[in-house]
Amino acid sequence: MSDRSARLQALHQALKERILILDGGMGTMIQSYKLEEQDYRGKRFADWPSDVKGNNDLLLLSRPDVIASIEKAYLDAGADILETNTFNATQVSQADYGMESLAYELNVEGARVARKVADAKTLDTPDKPRFVAGVLGPT
């Protein structure tokens, strides 16, 4: 059985046994870190021609530690399902920053970071597996 089908089977079983809790607001948690422009840019986007502060999805590439920390905190608080930090990881939304070409990479990285955090928590508590749900904003 593949990891994916095993996780899906575990999800179905968990849904039969209990109410599953989604994580909470990512944007408000990011704000609590009081990040500045350079945090959003990181090394890779240091010379980007426009401001990127506020592009919370970009933190998956420039500050994945912040996103992973927030996701871990939600799991530690009892969440069963992490949402990927990809609410604005679309070409339409990323156009605000001239970063349309990053949409695919942001979605992949959002899933990778959330999966890593969820898997680590599941290893700590194998009787209560954690899950990941992809997120897409209103665009």
C-alpha atoms as a PDB file:
ATOM      1  CA  MET A   1       0.000   0.000   0.000  1.00  0.00           C
ATOM      2  CA  SER A   2       1.397   3.422  -0.935  1.00  0.00           C
ATOM      3  CA  ASP A   3       1.875   6.178   1.634  1.00  0.00           C
ATOM      4  CA  ARG A   4      -0.877   8.141  -0.060  1.00  0.00           C
ATOM      5  CA  SER A   5      -3.444   5.344   0.043  1.00  0.00           C
ATOM      6  CA  ALA A   6      -2.457   4.501   3.633  1.00  0.00           C
ATOM      7  CA  ARG A   7      -3.000   8.140   4.639  1.00  0.00           C
ATOM      8  CA  LEU A   8      -6.360   8.202   2.862  1.00  0.00           C
ATOM      9  CA  GLN A   9      -7.408   5.023   4.634  1.00  0.00           C
ATOM     10  CA  ALA A  10      -6.262   6.512   7.959  1.00  0.00           C
ATOM     11  CA  LEU A  11      -8.257   9.673   7.210  1.00  0.00           C
ATOM     12  CA  HIS A  12     -11.421   7.681   6.521  1.00  0.00           C
ATOM     13  CA  GLN A  13     -10.919   5.706   9.722  1.00  0.00           C
ATOM     14  CA  ALA A  14     -10.308   8.850  11.785  1.00  0.00           C
ATOM     15  CA  LEU A  15     -13.470  10.439  10.372  1.00  0.00           C
ATOM     16  CA  LYS A  16     -15.454   7.421  11.553  1.00  0.00           C
ATOM     17  CA  GLU A  17     -14.031   7.757  15.052  1.00  0.00           C
ATOM     18  CA  ARG A  18     -13.982  11.475  15.832  1.00  0.00           C
ATOM     19  CA  ILE A  19     -14.505  15.011  14.653  1.00  0.00           C
ATOM     20  CA  LEU A  20     -11.322  16.222  12.957  1.00  0.00           C
ATOM     21  CA  ILE A  21     -10.075  19.734  13.689  1.00  0.00           C
ATOM     22  CA  LEU A  22      -8.614  22.023  11.028  1.00  0.00           C
ATOM     23  CA  ASP A  23      -5.773  24.374  11.877  1.00  0.00           C
ATOM     24  CA  GLY A  24      -6.536  28.068  12.265  1.00  0.00           C
ATOM     25  CA  GLY A  25      -5.794  31.329  10.530  1.00  0.00           C
ATOM     26  CA  MET A  26      -2.346  31.450   8.976  1.00  0.00           C
ATOM     27  CA  GLY A  27      -2.287  35.186   8.179  1.00  0.00           C
ATOM     28  CA  THR A  28      -2.913  36.278  11.748  1.00  0.00           C
ATOM     29  CA  MET A  29      -0.224  33.933  13.033  1.00  0.00           C
ATOM     30  CA  ILE A  30       2.256  35.243  10.461  1.00  0.00           C
ATOM     31  CA  GLN A  31       1.489  38.793  11.618  1.00  0.00           C
ATOM     32  CA  SER A  32       2.501  37.826  15.143  1.00  0.00           C
ATOM     33  CA  TYR A  33       6.066  37.266  13.874  1.00  0.00           C
ATOM     34  CA  LYS A  34       6.301  40.954  12.860  1.00  0.00           C
ATOM     35  CA  LEU A  35       8.250  40.073   9.722  1.00  0.00           C
ATOM     36  CA  GLU A  36       9.862  42.784   7.632  1.00  0.00           C
ATOM     37  CA  GLU A  37      10.507  43.113   3.908  1.00  0.00           C
ATOM     38  CA  GLN A  38      13.848  41.278   4.129  1.00  0.00           C
ATOM     39  CA  ASP A  39      12.143  38.296   5.821  1.00  0.00           C
ATOM     40  CA  TYR A  40       9.813  37.934   2.866  1.00  0.00           C
ATOM     41  CA  ARG A  41      12.639  38.331   0.358  1.00  0.00           C
ATOM     42  CA  GLY A  42      15.214  35.994   1.859  1.00  0.00           C
ATOM     43  CA  LYS A  43      18.358  35.509  -0.218  1.00  0.00           C
ATOM     44  CA  ARG A  44      16.598  34.273  -3.329  1.00  0.00           C
ATOM     45  CA  PHE A  45      14.446  37.387  -3.785  1.00  0.00           C
ATOM     46  CA  ALA A  46      16.845  39.979  -2.325  1.00  0.00           C
ATOM     47  CA  ASP A  47      16.925  41.903  -5.595  1.00  0.00           C
ATOM     48  CA  TRP A  48      13.252  41.503  -6.554  1.00  0.00           C
ATOM     49  CA  PRO A  49      12.142  44.719  -8.297  1.00  0.00           C
ATOM     50  CA  SER A  50       9.017  45.298  -6.187  1.00  0.00           C
ATOM     51  CA  ASP A  51       8.029  45.047  -2.533  1.00  0.00           C
ATOM     52  CA  VAL A  52       6.979  41.552  -1.459  1.00  0.00           C
ATOM     53  CA  LYS A  53       6.081  42.095   2.199  1.00  0.00           C
ATOM     54  CA  GLY A  54       2.602  40.712   2.686  1.00  0.00           C
ATOM     55  CA  ASN A  55       3.046  37.877   0.209  1.00  0.00           C
ATOM     56  CA  ASN A  56       2.531  35.286   2.924  1.00  0.00           C
ATOM     57  CA  ASP A  57       2.742  32.391   0.494  1.00  0.00           C
ATOM     58  CA  LEU A  58       6.258  33.499  -0.485  1.00  0.00           C
ATOM     59  CA  LEU A  59       7.386  32.657   3.049  1.00  0.00           C
ATOM     60  CA  LEU A  60       7.262  29.013   1.959  1.00  0.00           C
ATOM     61  CA  LEU A  61      10.375  29.788  -0.073  1.00  0.00           C
ATOM     62  CA  SER A  62      12.053  32.495   1.993  1.00  0.00           C
ATOM     63  CA  ARG A  63      11.104  31.518   5.576  1.00  0.00           C
ATOM     64  CA  PRO A  64       9.749  27.956   5.604  1.00  0.00           C
ATOM     65  CA  ASP A  65      10.837  27.764   9.255  1.00  0.00           C
ATOM     66  CA  VAL A  66       8.154  30.318  10.161  1.00  0.00           C
ATOM     67  CA  ILE A  67       5.424  28.422   8.311  1.00  0.00           C
ATOM     68  CA  ALA A  68       6.518  25.073   9.780  1.00  0.00           C
ATOM     69  CA  SER A  69       6.586  26.573  13.277  1.00  0.00           C
ATOM     70  CA  ILE A  70       3.044  27.893  12.921  1.00  0.00           C
ATOM     71  CA  GLU A  71       1.799  24.588  11.546  1.00  0.00           C
ATOM     72  CA  LYS A  72       3.479  22.685  14.379  1.00  0.00           C
ATOM     73  CA  ALA A  73       1.852  25.003  16.916  1.00  0.00           C
ATOM     74  CA  TYR A  74      -1.581  24.202  15.478  1.00  0.00           C
ATOM     75  CA  LEU A  75      -0.888  20.477  15.693  1.00  0.00           C
ATOM     76  CA  ASP A  76       0.408  20.864  19.249  1.00  0.00           C
ATOM     77  CA  ALA A  77      -2.845  22.680  20.085  1.00  0.00           C
ATOM     78  CA  GLY A  78      -4.865  19.703  18.839  1.00  0.00           C
ATOM     79  CA  ALA A  79      -5.448  20.214  15.124  1.00  0.00           C
ATOM     80  CA  ASP A  80      -5.746  17.077  13.013  1.00  0.00           C
ATOM     81  CA  ILE A  81      -5.539  18.682   9.570  1.00  0.00           C
ATOM     82  CA  LEU A  82      -3.031  21.250   8.357  1.00  0.00           C
ATOM     83  CA  GLU A  83      -3.941  23.468   5.477  1.00  0.00           C
ATOM     84  CA  THR A  84      -1.144  24.321   3.091  1.00  0.00           C
ATOM     85  CA  ASN A  85      -0.048  27.963   3.194  1.00  0.00           C
ATOM     86  CA  THR A  86      -1.171  28.442  -0.403  1.00  0.00           C
ATOM     87  CA  PHE A  87      -4.230  30.683  -0.151  1.00  0.00           C
ATOM     88  CA  ASN A  88      -2.764  33.093  -2.714  1.00  0.00           C
ATOM     89  CA  ALA A  89      -0.501  30.704  -4.614  1.00  0.00           C
ATOM     90  CA  THR A  90      -2.220  31.386  -7.915  1.00  0.00           C
ATOM     91  CA  GLN A  91      -0.971  33.273 -10.937  1.00  0.00           C
ATOM     92  CA  VAL A  92      -3.730  35.848 -10.457  1.00  0.00           C
ATOM     93  CA  SER A  93      -2.814  36.587  -6.830  1.00  0.00           C
ATOM     94  CA  GLN A  94       0.937  36.410  -7.370  1.00  0.00           C
ATOM     95  CA  ALA A  95       0.625  38.966 -10.189  1.00  0.00           C
ATOM     96  CA  ASP A  96       0.379  41.620  -7.445  1.00  0.00           C
ATOM     97  CA  TYR A  97       4.077  40.958  -6.812  1.00  0.00           C
ATOM     98  CA  GLY A  98       5.142  40.071 -10.365  1.00  0.00           C
ATOM     99  CA  MET A  99       5.606  36.485  -9.183  1.00  0.00           C
ATOM    100  CA  GLU A 100       3.079  34.640 -11.356  1.00  0.00           C
ATOM    101  CA  SER A 101       5.714  32.138 -12.429  1.00  0.00           C
ATOM    102  CA  LEU A 102       6.076  30.928  -8.824  1.00  0.00           C
ATOM    103  CA  ALA A 103       2.493  29.645  -8.447  1.00  0.00           C
ATOM    104  CA  TYR A 104       3.321  26.003  -9.088  1.00  0.00           C
ATOM    105  CA  GLU A 105       6.443  26.043  -6.924  1.00  0.00           C
ATOM    106  CA  LEU A 106       4.561  27.691  -4.054  1.00  0.00           C
ATOM    107  CA  ASN A 107       1.860  25.021  -4.142  1.00  0.00           C
ATOM    108  CA  VAL A 108       4.377  22.186  -4.206  1.00  0.00           C
ATOM    109  CA  GLU A 109       6.385  23.708  -1.367  1.00  0.00           C
ATOM    110  CA  GLY A 110       3.252  24.400   0.670  1.00  0.00           C
ATOM    111  CA  ALA A 111       2.296  20.742   0.453  1.00  0.00           C
ATOM    112  CA  ARG A 112       5.858  19.610   1.197  1.00  0.00           C
ATOM    113  CA  VAL A 113       6.238  21.759   4.310  1.00  0.00           C
ATOM    114  CA  ALA A 114       2.828  20.820   5.715  1.00  0.00           C
ATOM    115  CA  ARG A 115       3.383  17.132   4.961  1.00  0.00           C
ATOM    116  CA  LYS A 116       6.767  17.182   6.738  1.00  0.00           C
ATOM    117  CA  VAL A 117       5.252  18.803   9.849  1.00  0.00           C
ATOM    118  CA  ALA A 118       2.227  16.482   9.857  1.00  0.00           C
ATOM    119  CA  ASP A 119       4.393  13.385   9.424  1.00  0.00           C
ATOM    120  CA  ALA A 120       6.674  14.434  12.282  1.00  0.00           C
ATOM    121  CA  LYS A 121       3.685  14.888  14.611  1.00  0.00           C
ATOM    122  CA  THR A 122       2.223  11.560  13.507  1.00  0.00           C
ATOM    123  CA  LEU A 123       5.522   9.874  14.406  1.00  0.00           C
ATOM    124  CA  ASP A 124       5.210  11.370  17.899  1.00  0.00           C
ATOM    125  CA  THR A 125       1.601  10.188  18.267  1.00  0.00           C
ATOM    126  CA  PRO A 126       1.008   7.281  15.850  1.00  0.00           C
ATOM    127  CA  ASP A 127      -2.402   6.595  17.370  1.00  0.00           C
ATOM    128  CA  LYS A 128      -3.538  10.020  16.118  1.00  0.00           C
ATOM    129  CA  PRO A 129      -2.363  10.559  12.525  1.00  0.00           C
ATOM    130  CA  ARG A 130      -2.286  14.102  11.134  1.00  0.00           C
ATOM    131  CA  PHE A 131      -3.386  15.099   7.658  1.00  0.00           C
ATOM    132  CA  VAL A 132      -2.779  17.832   5.070  1.00  0.00           C
ATOM    133  CA  ALA A 133      -5.369  19.649   2.965  1.00  0.00           C
ATOM    134  CA  GLY A 134      -4.463  21.842   0.017  1.00  0.00           C
ATOM    135  CA  VAL A 135      -5.791  25.385   0.184  1.00  0.00           C
ATOM    136  CA  LEU A 136      -6.764  27.669  -2.650  1.00  0.00           C
ATOM    137  CA  GLY A 137      -8.110  31.142  -2.094  1.00  0.00           C
ATOM    138  CA  PRO A 138     -11.114  32.777  -3.737  1.00  0.00           C
ATOM    139  CA  THR A 139      -9.305  33.612  -6.966  1.00  0.00           C
END
